[in-house]
Amino acid sequence: MFGAGHGGIESAITGLLVGVTLVNMIVLRDVDVATLGLPPEQVARQVAEFWAMPAYMPLLAAAERLLSIVFHLSAAALVMQALLRQRMWPLWTAMGWHATVNAITLYVNNAYGAVAAEASLAALSVVSAGILWATWRADRQRELKVASL
């Protein structure tokens, strides 16, 4: 549940910050930025860059948050396997999976942009879903074995 909570709260906080940013940008659209006590050129540039952003970017961010929840659940399931089986390899696998997902999406984002990075995260989420299925199946088989004793 910790991994689910971590992924969920991270997504909720990020969504809240995106919402606050949108409200701020709407307000700043009609405000004389010279009255804010901040460098007017910098504020004006940031507001202009925000509104020049493609309209699909917030939807892309929302998709990324949903995909990250699938990833966090898969990592949490691996950690749970480490605890249930009292083995270290699922823990190391979870940590390696986390590093791999972060490294791939960061590389793809830097090399090809946000859309490609989210597409790579979607592909990695298929693997995450496979991890969830495999851990569920392993738990189910263990439950059946215990029930038959």
N, C-alpha and C. Protein backbone atom coordinates (compact mmCIF):
# COMPACT_ATOMS: atom_id res chain seq x y z
N MET A 1 0.82 -1.20 0.00
CA MET A 1 0.00 0.00 0.00
C MET A 1 0.86 1.26 0.00
N PHE A 2 2.08 1.14 0.54
CA PHE A 2 2.95 2.31 0.56
C PHE A 2 3.24 2.78 -0.86
N GLY A 3 3.54 1.84 -1.76
CA GLY A 3 3.82 2.21 -3.15
C GLY A 3 2.60 2.81 -3.82
N ALA A 4 1.43 2.26 -3.53
CA ALA A 4 0.20 2.82 -4.09
C ALA A 4 -0.03 4.22 -3.55
N GLY A 5 0.19 4.39 -2.26
CA GLY A 5 0.04 5.71 -1.66
C GLY A 5 1.04 6.70 -2.20
N HIS A 6 2.29 6.24 -2.35
CA HIS A 6 3.35 7.11 -2.87
C HIS A 6 3.00 7.56 -4.28
N GLY A 7 2.66 6.61 -5.14
CA GLY A 7 2.32 6.97 -6.53
C GLY A 7 1.07 7.82 -6.60
N GLY A 8 0.09 7.50 -5.77
CA GLY A 8 -1.17 8.25 -5.78
C GLY A 8 -1.00 9.67 -5.27
N ILE A 9 -0.31 9.83 -4.14
CA ILE A 9 -0.15 11.17 -3.58
C ILE A 9 0.76 12.02 -4.47
N GLU A 10 1.77 11.40 -5.05
CA GLU A 10 2.63 12.13 -5.99
C GLU A 10 1.81 12.66 -7.16
N SER A 11 0.93 11.82 -7.68
CA SER A 11 0.08 12.24 -8.79
C SER A 11 -0.90 13.32 -8.36
N ALA A 12 -1.48 13.18 -7.17
CA ALA A 12 -2.43 14.18 -6.69
C ALA A 12 -1.76 15.53 -6.47
N ILE A 13 -0.58 15.52 -5.87
CA ILE A 13 0.14 16.78 -5.62
C ILE A 13 0.54 17.42 -6.95
N THR A 14 1.02 16.62 -7.88
CA THR A 14 1.39 17.16 -9.19
C THR A 14 0.18 17.76 -9.89
N GLY A 15 -0.95 17.06 -9.83
CA GLY A 15 -2.17 17.59 -10.43
C GLY A 15 -2.60 18.89 -9.78
N LEU A 16 -2.49 18.97 -8.46
CA LEU A 16 -2.82 20.20 -7.74
C LEU A 16 -1.92 21.35 -8.17
N LEU A 17 -0.62 21.08 -8.30
CA LEU A 17 0.32 22.11 -8.73
C LEU A 17 0.02 22.58 -10.15
N VAL A 18 -0.36 21.66 -11.02
CA VAL A 18 -0.72 22.04 -12.39
C VAL A 18 -1.96 22.93 -12.36
N GLY A 19 -2.93 22.59 -11.53
CA GLY A 19 -4.13 23.41 -11.40
C GLY A 19 -3.83 24.80 -10.88
N VAL A 20 -2.98 24.89 -9.86
CA VAL A 20 -2.60 26.20 -9.30
C VAL A 20 -1.86 27.02 -10.35
N THR A 21 -0.99 26.37 -11.11
CA THR A 21 -0.27 27.07 -12.17
C THR A 21 -1.23 27.62 -13.21
N LEU A 22 -2.21 26.83 -13.59
CA LEU A 22 -3.21 27.30 -14.56
C LEU A 22 -3.96 28.53 -14.03
N VAL A 23 -4.39 28.47 -12.79
CA VAL A 23 -5.10 29.62 -12.20
C VAL A 23 -4.19 30.84 -12.19
N ASN A 24 -2.94 30.66 -11.78
CA ASN A 24 -1.99 31.78 -11.77
C ASN A 24 -1.81 32.37 -13.16
N MET A 25 -1.68 31.53 -14.15
CA MET A 25 -1.47 32.02 -15.51
C MET A 25 -2.71 32.74 -16.05
N ILE A 26 -3.88 32.27 -15.67
CA ILE A 26 -5.11 32.96 -16.08
C ILE A 26 -5.16 34.35 -15.45
N VAL A 27 -4.81 34.42 -14.17
CA VAL A 27 -4.81 35.71 -13.47
C VAL A 27 -3.74 36.63 -14.05
N LEU A 28 -2.55 36.09 -14.28
CA LEU A 28 -1.44 36.91 -14.78
C LEU A 28 -1.67 37.43 -16.20
N ARG A 29 -2.56 36.80 -16.91
CA ARG A 29 -2.86 37.24 -18.27
C ARG A 29 -3.39 38.67 -18.30
N ASP A 30 -4.14 39.04 -17.25
CA ASP A 30 -4.80 40.34 -17.22
C ASP A 30 -4.21 41.30 -16.20
N VAL A 31 -3.02 40.99 -15.68
CA VAL A 31 -2.40 41.83 -14.65
C VAL A 31 -1.21 42.56 -15.27
N ASP A 32 -1.00 43.77 -14.83
CA ASP A 32 0.20 44.51 -15.23
C ASP A 32 1.36 43.93 -14.43
N VAL A 33 2.22 43.17 -15.09
CA VAL A 33 3.29 42.45 -14.40
C VAL A 33 4.30 43.39 -13.76
N ALA A 34 4.35 44.64 -14.16
CA ALA A 34 5.27 45.60 -13.55
C ALA A 34 4.90 45.89 -12.10
N THR A 35 3.66 45.64 -11.72
CA THR A 35 3.21 45.92 -10.35
C THR A 35 3.50 44.77 -9.38
N LEU A 36 4.07 43.69 -9.85
CA LEU A 36 4.26 42.51 -9.01
C LEU A 36 5.55 42.54 -8.19
N GLY A 37 6.44 43.46 -8.48
CA GLY A 37 7.71 43.50 -7.76
C GLY A 37 8.71 42.46 -8.25
N LEU A 38 8.43 41.86 -9.39
CA LEU A 38 9.32 40.87 -10.00
C LEU A 38 9.83 41.45 -11.31
N PRO A 39 10.91 40.91 -11.84
CA PRO A 39 11.39 41.41 -13.14
C PRO A 39 10.28 41.26 -14.20
N PRO A 40 9.72 42.36 -14.68
CA PRO A 40 8.57 42.29 -15.60
C PRO A 40 8.85 41.51 -16.87
N GLU A 41 10.08 41.63 -17.39
CA GLU A 41 10.41 40.91 -18.63
C GLU A 41 10.35 39.40 -18.41
N GLN A 42 10.87 38.98 -17.27
CA GLN A 42 10.90 37.54 -16.96
C GLN A 42 9.48 37.00 -16.78
N VAL A 43 8.65 37.69 -16.02
CA VAL A 43 7.28 37.25 -15.80
C VAL A 43 6.51 37.23 -17.11
N ALA A 44 6.65 38.29 -17.89
CA ALA A 44 5.94 38.36 -19.18
C ALA A 44 6.38 37.23 -20.10
N ARG A 45 7.67 36.93 -20.11
CA ARG A 45 8.19 35.83 -20.94
C ARG A 45 7.62 34.49 -20.49
N GLN A 46 7.58 34.25 -19.17
CA GLN A 46 7.07 32.99 -18.65
C GLN A 46 5.59 32.82 -18.94
N VAL A 47 4.83 33.89 -18.79
CA VAL A 47 3.40 33.83 -19.10
C VAL A 47 3.21 33.55 -20.59
N ALA A 48 3.97 34.24 -21.43
CA ALA A 48 3.86 34.04 -22.88
C ALA A 48 4.24 32.60 -23.26
N GLU A 49 5.29 32.06 -22.65
CA GLU A 49 5.69 30.68 -22.93
C GLU A 49 4.61 29.69 -22.50
N PHE A 50 3.98 29.95 -21.36
CA PHE A 50 2.92 29.06 -20.90
C PHE A 50 1.79 29.01 -21.91
N TRP A 51 1.33 30.18 -22.38
CA TRP A 51 0.20 30.21 -23.29
C TRP A 51 0.58 29.78 -24.70
N ALA A 52 1.87 29.74 -25.01
CA ALA A 52 2.31 29.25 -26.32
C ALA A 52 2.43 27.72 -26.34
N MET A 53 2.38 27.12 -25.17
CA MET A 53 2.49 25.67 -25.06
C MET A 53 1.31 25.00 -25.79
N PRO A 54 1.56 23.88 -26.48
CA PRO A 54 0.44 23.19 -27.14
C PRO A 54 -0.63 22.77 -26.13
N ALA A 55 -1.87 22.83 -26.55
CA ALA A 55 -3.01 22.55 -25.66
C ALA A 55 -3.02 21.11 -25.15
N TYR A 56 -2.38 20.18 -25.88
CA TYR A 56 -2.40 18.78 -25.46
C TYR A 56 -1.43 18.48 -24.31
N MET A 57 -0.53 19.40 -24.00
CA MET A 57 0.47 19.13 -22.97
C MET A 57 -0.13 18.81 -21.60
N PRO A 58 -1.15 19.53 -21.13
CA PRO A 58 -1.74 19.13 -19.84
C PRO A 58 -2.34 17.73 -19.88
N LEU A 59 -2.93 17.34 -21.01
CA LEU A 59 -3.46 15.98 -21.13
C LEU A 59 -2.34 14.95 -21.11
N LEU A 60 -1.23 15.31 -21.72
CA LEU A 60 -0.06 14.44 -21.70
C LEU A 60 0.44 14.27 -20.27
N ALA A 61 0.44 15.35 -19.52
CA ALA A 61 0.86 15.28 -18.11
C ALA A 61 -0.09 14.41 -17.30
N ALA A 62 -1.38 14.49 -17.57
CA ALA A 62 -2.36 13.66 -16.86
C ALA A 62 -2.14 12.18 -17.19
N ALA A 63 -1.88 11.89 -18.45
CA ALA A 63 -1.60 10.51 -18.85
C ALA A 63 -0.34 10.00 -18.15
N GLU A 64 0.65 10.85 -18.05
CA GLU A 64 1.90 10.45 -17.38
C GLU A 64 1.65 10.10 -15.93
N ARG A 65 0.81 10.86 -15.25
CA ARG A 65 0.49 10.59 -13.85
C ARG A 65 -0.21 9.25 -13.70
N LEU A 66 -1.15 8.94 -14.60
CA LEU A 66 -1.84 7.65 -14.54
C LEU A 66 -0.88 6.50 -14.80
N LEU A 67 -0.01 6.68 -15.78
CA LEU A 67 0.97 5.63 -16.09
C LEU A 67 1.95 5.45 -14.93
N SER A 68 2.29 6.53 -14.25
CA SER A 68 3.23 6.40 -13.14
C SER A 68 2.60 5.64 -11.97
N ILE A 69 1.28 5.72 -11.83
CA ILE A 69 0.62 4.95 -10.77
C ILE A 69 0.75 3.46 -11.06
N VAL A 70 0.59 3.06 -12.32
CA VAL A 70 0.77 1.65 -12.69
C VAL A 70 2.19 1.21 -12.36
N PHE A 71 3.16 2.05 -12.69
CA PHE A 71 4.55 1.73 -12.38
C PHE A 71 4.76 1.58 -10.87
N HIS A 72 4.26 2.55 -10.09
CA HIS A 72 4.47 2.49 -8.64
C HIS A 72 3.81 1.25 -8.03
N LEU A 73 2.67 0.87 -8.54
CA LEU A 73 2.02 -0.34 -8.05
C LEU A 73 2.87 -1.57 -8.35
N SER A 74 3.49 -1.62 -9.53
CA SER A 74 4.33 -2.78 -9.87
C SER A 74 5.55 -2.85 -8.97
N ALA A 75 6.16 -1.70 -8.69
CA ALA A 75 7.32 -1.69 -7.80
C ALA A 75 6.90 -2.09 -6.39
N ALA A 76 5.75 -1.61 -5.94
CA ALA A 76 5.25 -1.97 -4.61
C ALA A 76 4.96 -3.47 -4.53
N ALA A 77 4.43 -4.04 -5.60
CA ALA A 77 4.15 -5.47 -5.61
C ALA A 77 5.44 -6.28 -5.50
N LEU A 78 6.50 -5.81 -6.15
CA LEU A 78 7.80 -6.49 -6.03
C LEU A 78 8.34 -6.40 -4.61
N VAL A 79 8.22 -5.24 -4.00
CA VAL A 79 8.69 -5.07 -2.62
C VAL A 79 7.89 -5.99 -1.70
N MET A 80 6.59 -6.08 -1.93
CA MET A 80 5.76 -6.97 -1.12
C MET A 80 6.21 -8.42 -1.27
N GLN A 81 6.59 -8.80 -2.48
CA GLN A 81 7.10 -10.16 -2.69
C GLN A 81 8.37 -10.40 -1.87
N ALA A 82 9.22 -9.38 -1.80
CA ALA A 82 10.44 -9.51 -1.00
C ALA A 82 10.09 -9.75 0.46
N LEU A 83 9.09 -9.06 0.95
CA LEU A 83 8.69 -9.22 2.35
C LEU A 83 8.02 -10.56 2.59
N LEU A 84 7.11 -10.96 1.70
CA LEU A 84 6.39 -12.21 1.87
C LEU A 84 7.30 -13.43 1.77
N ARG A 85 8.21 -13.39 0.85
CA ARG A 85 9.09 -14.55 0.61
C ARG A 85 10.41 -14.48 1.38
N GLN A 86 10.61 -13.35 2.03
CA GLN A 86 11.84 -13.12 2.78
C GLN A 86 13.07 -13.37 1.90
N ARG A 87 13.01 -12.78 0.72
CA ARG A 87 14.08 -12.85 -0.27
C ARG A 87 14.42 -11.42 -0.69
N MET A 88 15.67 -11.21 -1.04
CA MET A 88 16.10 -9.87 -1.43
C MET A 88 15.94 -9.59 -2.92
N TRP A 89 15.90 -10.61 -3.76
CA TRP A 89 15.90 -10.35 -5.20
C TRP A 89 14.70 -9.54 -5.67
N PRO A 90 13.48 -9.72 -5.11
CA PRO A 90 12.40 -8.84 -5.58
C PRO A 90 12.63 -7.37 -5.21
N LEU A 91 13.25 -7.13 -4.07
CA LEU A 91 13.56 -5.75 -3.67
C LEU A 91 14.57 -5.14 -4.64
N TRP A 92 15.62 -5.89 -4.95
CA TRP A 92 16.62 -5.40 -5.91
C TRP A 92 15.99 -5.20 -7.29
N THR A 93 15.08 -6.10 -7.65
CA THR A 93 14.38 -5.96 -8.93
C THR A 93 13.54 -4.69 -8.95
N ALA A 94 12.83 -4.41 -7.86
CA ALA A 94 12.02 -3.19 -7.79
C ALA A 94 12.89 -1.95 -7.92
N MET A 95 14.02 -1.94 -7.23
CA MET A 95 14.92 -0.79 -7.30
C MET A 95 15.50 -0.64 -8.70
N GLY A 96 15.88 -1.76 -9.31
CA GLY A 96 16.40 -1.72 -10.68
C GLY A 96 15.34 -1.29 -11.68
N TRP A 97 14.11 -1.76 -11.48
CA TRP A 97 13.00 -1.37 -12.36
C TRP A 97 12.74 0.12 -12.25
N HIS A 98 12.79 0.64 -11.04
CA HIS A 98 12.58 2.08 -10.82
C HIS A 98 13.67 2.87 -11.55
N ALA A 99 14.90 2.48 -11.38
CA ALA A 99 16.01 3.18 -12.04
C ALA A 99 15.90 3.07 -13.56
N THR A 100 15.49 1.91 -14.05
CA THR A 100 15.37 1.70 -15.49
C THR A 100 14.28 2.59 -16.09
N VAL A 101 13.11 2.61 -15.46
CA VAL A 101 12.01 3.44 -15.96
C VAL A 101 12.41 4.91 -15.96
N ASN A 102 13.01 5.36 -14.86
CA ASN A 102 13.44 6.76 -14.80
C ASN A 102 14.48 7.07 -15.87
N ALA A 103 15.47 6.20 -16.02
CA ALA A 103 16.54 6.45 -16.99
C ALA A 103 16.01 6.49 -18.42
N ILE A 104 15.16 5.53 -18.77
CA ILE A 104 14.64 5.49 -20.14
C ILE A 104 13.79 6.71 -20.44
N THR A 105 12.86 7.05 -19.55
CA THR A 105 11.98 8.19 -19.83
C THR A 105 12.76 9.50 -19.85
N LEU A 106 13.75 9.64 -18.98
CA LEU A 106 14.57 10.85 -18.98
C LEU A 106 15.38 10.96 -20.27
N TYR A 107 15.99 9.86 -20.68
CA TYR A 107 16.77 9.87 -21.92
C TYR A 107 15.88 10.21 -23.11
N VAL A 108 14.75 9.52 -23.22
CA VAL A 108 13.85 9.75 -24.36
C VAL A 108 13.33 11.18 -24.35
N ASN A 109 13.00 11.70 -23.17
CA ASN A 109 12.53 13.08 -23.09
C ASN A 109 13.60 14.06 -23.58
N ASN A 110 14.83 13.86 -23.14
CA ASN A 110 15.91 14.76 -23.55
C ASN A 110 16.25 14.62 -25.03
N ALA A 111 16.17 13.40 -25.55
CA ALA A 111 16.56 13.17 -26.94
C ALA A 111 15.44 13.45 -27.93
N TYR A 112 14.19 13.13 -27.54
CA TYR A 112 13.10 13.18 -28.53
C TYR A 112 11.88 14.00 -28.11
N GLY A 113 11.84 14.45 -26.85
CA GLY A 113 10.74 15.30 -26.41
C GLY A 113 9.72 14.58 -25.54
N ALA A 114 8.78 15.38 -25.05
CA ALA A 114 7.81 14.90 -24.07
C ALA A 114 6.86 13.84 -24.62
N VAL A 115 6.41 14.01 -25.85
CA VAL A 115 5.47 13.04 -26.42
C VAL A 115 6.12 11.67 -26.53
N ALA A 116 7.35 11.63 -27.02
CA ALA A 116 8.06 10.36 -27.12
C ALA A 116 8.34 9.77 -25.74
N ALA A 117 8.65 10.62 -24.77
CA ALA A 117 8.90 10.13 -23.41
C ALA A 117 7.65 9.48 -22.84
N GLU A 118 6.49 10.09 -23.06
CA GLU A 118 5.25 9.51 -22.54
C GLU A 118 4.90 8.23 -23.29
N ALA A 119 5.22 8.17 -24.57
CA ALA A 119 5.01 6.93 -25.33
C ALA A 119 5.90 5.82 -24.78
N SER A 120 7.14 6.15 -24.43
CA SER A 120 8.02 5.14 -23.84
C SER A 120 7.51 4.71 -22.47
N LEU A 121 6.97 5.65 -21.71
CA LEU A 121 6.40 5.30 -20.41
C LEU A 121 5.18 4.40 -20.58
N ALA A 122 4.39 4.65 -21.61
CA ALA A 122 3.23 3.78 -21.89
C ALA A 122 3.70 2.36 -22.19
N ALA A 123 4.76 2.23 -22.99
CA ALA A 123 5.30 0.90 -23.30
C ALA A 123 5.83 0.24 -22.03
N LEU A 124 6.52 1.01 -21.19
CA LEU A 124 7.03 0.46 -19.94
C LEU A 124 5.90 0.11 -18.98
N SER A 125 4.77 0.79 -19.11
CA SER A 125 3.62 0.47 -18.26
C SER A 125 3.03 -0.89 -18.61
N VAL A 126 3.20 -1.31 -19.85
CA VAL A 126 2.77 -2.66 -20.22
C VAL A 126 3.61 -3.67 -19.44
N VAL A 127 4.90 -3.41 -19.32
CA VAL A 127 5.77 -4.28 -18.53
C VAL A 127 5.35 -4.21 -17.06
N SER A 128 5.04 -3.01 -16.57
CA SER A 128 4.58 -2.85 -15.19
C SER A 128 3.31 -3.66 -14.95
N ALA A 129 2.39 -3.62 -15.90
CA ALA A 129 1.16 -4.41 -15.77
C ALA A 129 1.49 -5.90 -15.76
N GLY A 130 2.47 -6.30 -16.54
CA GLY A 130 2.92 -7.70 -16.53
C GLY A 130 3.50 -8.10 -15.18
N ILE A 131 4.24 -7.19 -14.57
CA ILE A 131 4.79 -7.45 -13.23
C ILE A 131 3.64 -7.62 -12.23
N LEU A 132 2.64 -6.75 -12.32
CA LEU A 132 1.48 -6.86 -11.43
C LEU A 132 0.77 -8.20 -11.63
N TRP A 133 0.59 -8.59 -12.86
CA TRP A 133 -0.08 -9.86 -13.14
C TRP A 133 0.75 -11.03 -12.60
N ALA A 134 2.07 -11.00 -12.84
CA ALA A 134 2.93 -12.09 -12.39
C ALA A 134 2.95 -12.19 -10.86
N THR A 135 2.99 -11.07 -10.18
CA THR A 135 3.00 -11.12 -8.71
C THR A 135 1.64 -11.57 -8.18
N TRP A 136 0.56 -11.14 -8.83
CA TRP A 136 -0.77 -11.61 -8.43
C TRP A 136 -0.88 -13.11 -8.61
N ARG A 137 -0.40 -13.59 -9.75
CA ARG A 137 -0.46 -15.03 -10.05
C ARG A 137 0.37 -15.82 -9.05
N ALA A 138 1.55 -15.33 -8.73
CA ALA A 138 2.40 -16.03 -7.75
C ALA A 138 1.72 -16.08 -6.39
N ASP A 139 1.09 -14.99 -5.99
CA ASP A 139 0.37 -14.97 -4.71
C ASP A 139 -0.81 -15.93 -4.75
N ARG A 140 -1.53 -15.95 -5.85
CA ARG A 140 -2.68 -16.83 -5.99
C ARG A 140 -2.26 -18.29 -5.91
N GLN A 141 -1.17 -18.65 -6.58
CA GLN A 141 -0.67 -20.02 -6.53
C GLN A 141 -0.23 -20.40 -5.12
N ARG A 142 0.38 -19.44 -4.43
CA ARG A 142 0.81 -19.70 -3.05
C ARG A 142 -0.41 -19.91 -2.15
N GLU A 143 -1.47 -19.10 -2.34
CA GLU A 143 -2.70 -19.26 -1.56
C GLU A 143 -3.33 -20.62 -1.83
N LEU A 144 -3.36 -21.04 -3.09
CA LEU A 144 -3.95 -22.34 -3.41
C LEU A 144 -3.15 -23.49 -2.81
N LYS A 145 -1.83 -23.34 -2.79
CA LYS A 145 -0.99 -24.37 -2.22
C LYS A 145 -1.23 -24.47 -0.70
N VAL A 146 -1.33 -23.33 -0.05
CA VAL A 146 -1.57 -23.31 1.40
C VAL A 146 -2.96 -23.88 1.71
N ALA A 147 -3.95 -23.55 0.88
CA ALA A 147 -5.32 -24.02 1.11
C ALA A 147 -5.43 -25.53 0.93
N SER A 148 -4.61 -26.09 0.07
CA SER A 148 -4.68 -27.54 -0.18
C SER A 148 -3.97 -28.34 0.91
N LEU A 149 -3.20 -27.69 1.76
CA LEU A 149 -2.51 -28.41 2.83
C LEU A 149 -3.46 -28.67 3.91
